[in-house]
Amino acid sequence: MNPLDDLKITHPPQTLREIVLERMRSAILSGRFASGERLVERTLCDQLGVSRSVVREAIRYLEAEGLVEIMPNKGPMVARMDWAQAAQIYEIRLLLEQNAAAACAQTADATVKAKLQAATHAIETTSAANDNPALIAATTGFYEIIFTAAGHQIAWEVVQRLNGRISRLRAMTLATTDRRVSGPVRMARICAAICANDPDAAAQAVCDHLDEAAKIAHRLLKEAK
């Protein structure tokens, strides 16, 4: 063993911009920064203890993720989310995720199944701990395994471009208690179908999961109008 191996940096530290971006994203996803709320740079600088240039850079990233919009004569604000937008996102997710889950189920080997089961366990653990940021991250990881194993890299790129909006909807629906079947249970059913190499069951499990989530999001967004 090389005596210098213990000095190697395996996880580079976050930059200040990454920390600010993460905290602002979390504030939007949690609802601390409400839909339509103006993001005043000076206030954000004071709240975060950073320079205006760092805040502006973070805002640019959040705009690219669809979480912030720049309004003429008003500046940046938290992007509004309505049902028309959410419905399109769920339609896109249904098409891409059903196909990816079915393709993954057809080819999943022991390695893929083990990764998916570990990701499912992470979802269950973070859900039980009510750690929504970690739960959203675990859920994203779950889907990345499916898309990667299915060989649907282009589709995954599309999902990643929508990830900010998808995460926002996830945070919204996860906060409710009126799910007929819990999100983690739905995800476990997707995992079980893939591990059984049953593409039809995997596609149906995805459909059931997104159908219930979409109905909850529809109700919440209609109530918020």
Protein backbone atom coordinates (compact mmCIF):
# COMPACT_ATOMS: atom_id res chain seq x y z
CA MET A 1 0.00 0.00 0.00
CA ASN A 2 1.29 3.42 -0.89
CA PRO A 3 1.93 5.34 2.39
CA LEU A 4 0.54 8.48 0.74
CA ASP A 5 -2.81 6.89 -0.17
CA ASP A 6 -4.40 8.20 3.02
CA LEU A 7 -3.66 11.74 1.85
CA LYS A 8 -5.59 11.37 -1.38
CA ILE A 9 -8.71 13.51 -1.66
CA THR A 10 -11.45 11.16 -2.82
CA HIS A 11 -14.31 13.64 -2.39
CA PRO A 12 -13.27 17.15 -3.42
CA PRO A 13 -14.78 19.81 -1.14
CA GLN A 14 -17.75 21.77 -2.39
CA THR A 15 -17.08 25.21 -3.74
CA LEU A 16 -18.86 28.19 -2.23
CA ARG A 17 -21.03 28.44 -5.34
CA GLU A 18 -22.06 24.78 -5.00
CA ILE A 19 -23.00 25.27 -1.34
CA VAL A 20 -25.08 28.36 -2.13
CA LEU A 21 -26.72 26.62 -5.09
CA GLU A 22 -27.59 23.60 -2.96
CA ARG A 23 -29.12 25.74 -0.19
CA MET A 24 -31.13 27.91 -2.56
CA ARG A 25 -32.37 24.85 -4.45
CA SER A 26 -33.37 23.21 -1.16
CA ALA A 27 -35.20 26.39 -0.06
CA ILE A 28 -37.23 26.36 -3.28
CA LEU A 29 -38.01 22.63 -3.17
CA SER A 30 -39.07 22.82 0.48
CA GLY A 31 -41.33 25.81 -0.18
CA ARG A 32 -39.33 28.16 2.03
CA PHE A 33 -39.03 30.31 -1.10
CA ALA A 34 -42.59 30.28 -2.39
CA SER A 35 -43.74 30.07 -6.00
CA GLY A 36 -43.67 33.56 -7.53
CA GLU A 37 -41.57 35.03 -4.70
CA ARG A 38 -38.99 37.61 -5.74
CA LEU A 39 -35.38 36.69 -5.08
CA VAL A 40 -33.74 39.93 -3.97
CA GLU A 41 -29.97 39.66 -4.42
CA ARG A 42 -29.08 41.95 -1.52
CA THR A 43 -31.33 40.00 0.86
CA LEU A 44 -29.90 36.68 -0.34
CA CYS A 45 -26.36 37.99 0.16
CA ASP A 46 -27.20 38.87 3.76
CA GLN A 47 -28.99 35.58 4.41
CA LEU A 48 -26.23 33.43 2.93
CA GLY A 49 -23.25 35.58 3.89
CA VAL A 50 -21.79 35.60 0.39
CA SER A 51 -21.06 38.11 -2.36
CA ARG A 52 -23.53 39.22 -5.00
CA SER A 53 -21.50 37.52 -7.74
CA VAL A 54 -21.91 34.12 -6.03
CA VAL A 55 -25.66 34.66 -5.64
CA ARG A 56 -26.00 35.69 -9.29
CA GLU A 57 -24.13 32.60 -10.45
CA ALA A 58 -26.40 30.36 -8.37
CA ILE A 59 -29.47 32.09 -9.78
CA ARG A 60 -28.25 31.44 -13.33
CA TYR A 61 -27.95 27.72 -12.57
CA LEU A 62 -31.39 27.63 -10.97
CA GLU A 63 -32.85 29.41 -13.99
CA ALA A 64 -31.35 26.71 -16.24
CA GLU A 65 -32.99 24.07 -14.01
CA GLY A 66 -36.37 25.75 -14.39
CA LEU A 67 -36.62 26.67 -10.71
CA VAL A 68 -36.10 30.42 -11.23
CA GLU A 69 -37.40 32.76 -13.91
CA ILE A 70 -36.22 36.27 -14.71
CA MET A 71 -39.13 38.69 -15.08
CA PRO A 72 -38.75 42.00 -16.96
CA ASN A 73 -38.48 44.96 -14.57
CA LYS A 74 -38.78 42.61 -11.59
CA GLY A 75 -35.67 40.46 -11.71
CA PRO A 76 -35.39 36.83 -10.56
CA MET A 77 -38.22 35.05 -8.83
CA VAL A 78 -39.15 31.49 -7.97
CA ALA A 79 -40.66 29.99 -11.12
CA ARG A 80 -44.38 29.46 -10.94
CA MET A 81 -45.65 25.92 -11.39
CA ASP A 82 -49.17 25.32 -12.70
CA TRP A 83 -51.03 22.16 -13.63
CA ALA A 84 -50.58 22.69 -17.38
CA GLN A 85 -46.80 22.56 -16.91
CA ALA A 86 -46.94 19.71 -14.40
CA ALA A 87 -49.18 17.63 -16.68
CA GLN A 88 -46.62 17.85 -19.48
CA ILE A 89 -43.84 16.78 -17.12
CA TYR A 90 -45.82 13.75 -15.96
CA GLU A 91 -46.62 12.81 -19.57
CA ILE A 92 -42.94 12.98 -20.51
CA ARG A 93 -41.95 11.00 -17.42
CA LEU A 94 -44.53 8.32 -18.18
CA LEU A 95 -43.25 7.79 -21.71
CA LEU A 96 -39.58 7.74 -20.76
CA GLU A 97 -39.79 5.89 -17.44
CA GLN A 98 -42.13 3.14 -18.65
CA ASN A 99 -39.87 2.37 -21.59
CA ALA A 100 -36.73 2.48 -19.46
CA ALA A 101 -38.19 0.25 -16.74
CA ALA A 102 -39.40 -2.32 -19.29
CA ALA A 103 -36.04 -2.35 -21.08
CA CYS A 104 -34.18 -2.60 -17.78
CA ALA A 105 -36.36 -5.54 -16.70
CA GLN A 106 -35.51 -7.41 -19.89
CA THR A 107 -31.75 -7.23 -19.36
CA ALA A 108 -31.21 -6.71 -15.61
CA ASP A 109 -28.51 -9.00 -14.24
CA ALA A 110 -27.48 -9.69 -10.65
CA THR A 111 -25.34 -6.54 -10.46
CA VAL A 112 -28.12 -4.24 -11.64
CA LYS A 113 -30.63 -5.91 -9.33
CA ALA A 114 -28.32 -5.46 -6.34
CA LYS A 115 -27.84 -1.76 -7.15
CA LEU A 116 -31.57 -1.25 -7.54
CA GLN A 117 -32.34 -3.04 -4.28
CA ALA A 118 -29.78 -0.88 -2.46
CA ALA A 119 -31.34 2.26 -3.99
CA THR A 120 -34.79 1.07 -2.91
CA HIS A 121 -33.52 0.56 0.63
CA ALA A 122 -32.09 4.10 0.62
CA ILE A 123 -35.51 5.43 -0.44
CA GLU A 124 -37.24 3.53 2.37
CA THR A 125 -34.67 4.68 4.95
CA THR A 126 -34.74 8.37 4.03
CA SER A 127 -38.54 8.31 3.81
CA ALA A 128 -38.82 6.81 7.30
CA ALA A 129 -36.48 9.52 8.58
CA ASN A 130 -38.58 12.26 6.91
CA ASP A 131 -35.40 13.50 5.24
CA ASN A 132 -36.94 14.89 2.06
CA PRO A 133 -33.73 16.27 0.46
CA ALA A 134 -32.04 12.88 0.92
CA LEU A 135 -35.19 11.09 -0.27
CA ILE A 136 -35.30 13.16 -3.47
CA ALA A 137 -31.60 12.42 -4.07
CA ALA A 138 -32.15 8.70 -3.44
CA THR A 139 -35.11 8.67 -5.83
CA THR A 140 -33.05 10.36 -8.55
CA GLY A 141 -30.35 7.72 -8.02
CA PHE A 142 -32.94 4.96 -8.33
CA TYR A 143 -34.04 6.19 -11.74
CA GLU A 144 -30.48 6.76 -12.91
CA ILE A 145 -29.76 3.06 -12.34
CA ILE A 146 -32.82 2.10 -14.39
CA PHE A 147 -32.07 4.40 -17.32
CA THR A 148 -28.37 3.52 -17.36
CA ALA A 149 -28.99 -0.24 -17.21
CA ALA A 150 -31.58 0.09 -19.97
CA GLY A 151 -29.06 1.86 -22.17
CA HIS A 152 -31.38 4.89 -22.43
CA GLN A 153 -28.69 7.54 -21.98
CA ILE A 154 -30.35 10.15 -24.22
CA ALA A 155 -33.65 9.73 -22.38
CA TRP A 156 -31.81 10.17 -19.08
CA GLU A 157 -30.30 13.42 -20.38
CA VAL A 158 -33.83 14.66 -21.07
CA VAL A 159 -34.91 13.67 -17.54
CA GLN A 160 -31.90 15.46 -16.05
CA ARG A 161 -32.83 18.68 -17.87
CA LEU A 162 -36.25 18.44 -16.21
CA ASN A 163 -34.84 17.33 -12.88
CA GLY A 164 -35.40 20.66 -11.10
CA ARG A 165 -39.08 20.67 -11.98
CA ILE A 166 -39.41 16.93 -11.31
CA SER A 167 -37.82 17.34 -7.87
CA ARG A 168 -40.15 20.23 -7.10
CA LEU A 169 -43.19 18.10 -7.90
CA ARG A 170 -41.74 15.22 -5.88
CA ALA A 171 -41.23 17.48 -2.87
CA MET A 172 -44.82 18.68 -3.20
CA THR A 173 -46.39 15.23 -3.40
CA LEU A 174 -44.09 13.70 -0.77
CA ALA A 175 -45.33 16.25 1.76
CA THR A 176 -48.90 14.88 1.57
CA THR A 177 -50.37 12.11 3.68
CA ASP A 178 -53.25 11.19 1.37
CA ARG A 179 -51.41 8.72 -0.88
CA ARG A 180 -53.40 5.53 -1.27
CA VAL A 181 -50.09 3.70 -1.56
CA SER A 182 -46.90 5.36 -0.32
CA GLY A 183 -44.22 6.49 -2.74
CA PRO A 184 -41.56 4.12 -1.33
CA VAL A 185 -43.96 1.17 -1.70
CA ARG A 186 -44.61 2.14 -5.33
CA MET A 187 -40.85 2.34 -5.96
CA ALA A 188 -40.36 -1.05 -4.30
CA ARG A 189 -42.92 -2.53 -6.70
CA ILE A 190 -41.00 -1.12 -9.68
CA CYS A 191 -37.82 -2.65 -8.25
CA ALA A 192 -39.50 -6.03 -7.66
CA ALA A 193 -40.82 -6.20 -11.22
CA ILE A 194 -37.41 -5.40 -12.68
CA CYS A 195 -35.73 -7.94 -10.41
CA ALA A 196 -38.25 -10.52 -11.63
CA ASN A 197 -37.28 -9.61 -15.22
CA ASP A 198 -40.94 -8.83 -15.95
CA PRO A 199 -41.08 -5.86 -18.37
CA ASP A 200 -44.88 -5.64 -18.44
CA ALA A 201 -45.13 -5.54 -14.65
CA ALA A 202 -42.33 -2.95 -14.49
CA ALA A 203 -44.11 -0.69 -16.99
CA GLN A 204 -47.39 -1.05 -15.10
CA ALA A 205 -45.72 -0.29 -11.76
CA VAL A 206 -44.30 2.93 -13.22
CA CYS A 207 -47.73 3.84 -14.60
CA ASP A 208 -49.43 3.26 -11.23
CA HIS A 209 -46.79 5.31 -9.41
CA LEU A 210 -46.97 8.31 -11.74
CA ASP A 211 -50.77 8.20 -12.02
CA GLU A 212 -51.19 8.54 -8.26
CA ALA A 213 -48.49 11.24 -7.98
CA ALA A 214 -50.05 13.22 -10.86
CA LYS A 215 -53.49 13.17 -9.24
CA ILE A 216 -52.05 14.53 -5.99
CA ALA A 217 -50.10 17.23 -7.81
CA HIS A 218 -53.22 18.19 -9.80
CA ARG A 219 -55.22 18.68 -6.62
CA LEU A 220 -52.49 20.65 -4.85
CA LEU A 221 -51.84 22.96 -7.78
CA LYS A 222 -55.55 23.61 -8.32
CA GLU A 223 -55.93 24.47 -4.62
CA ALA A 224 -52.96 26.85 -4.80
CA LYS A 225 -54.53 28.97 -7.57
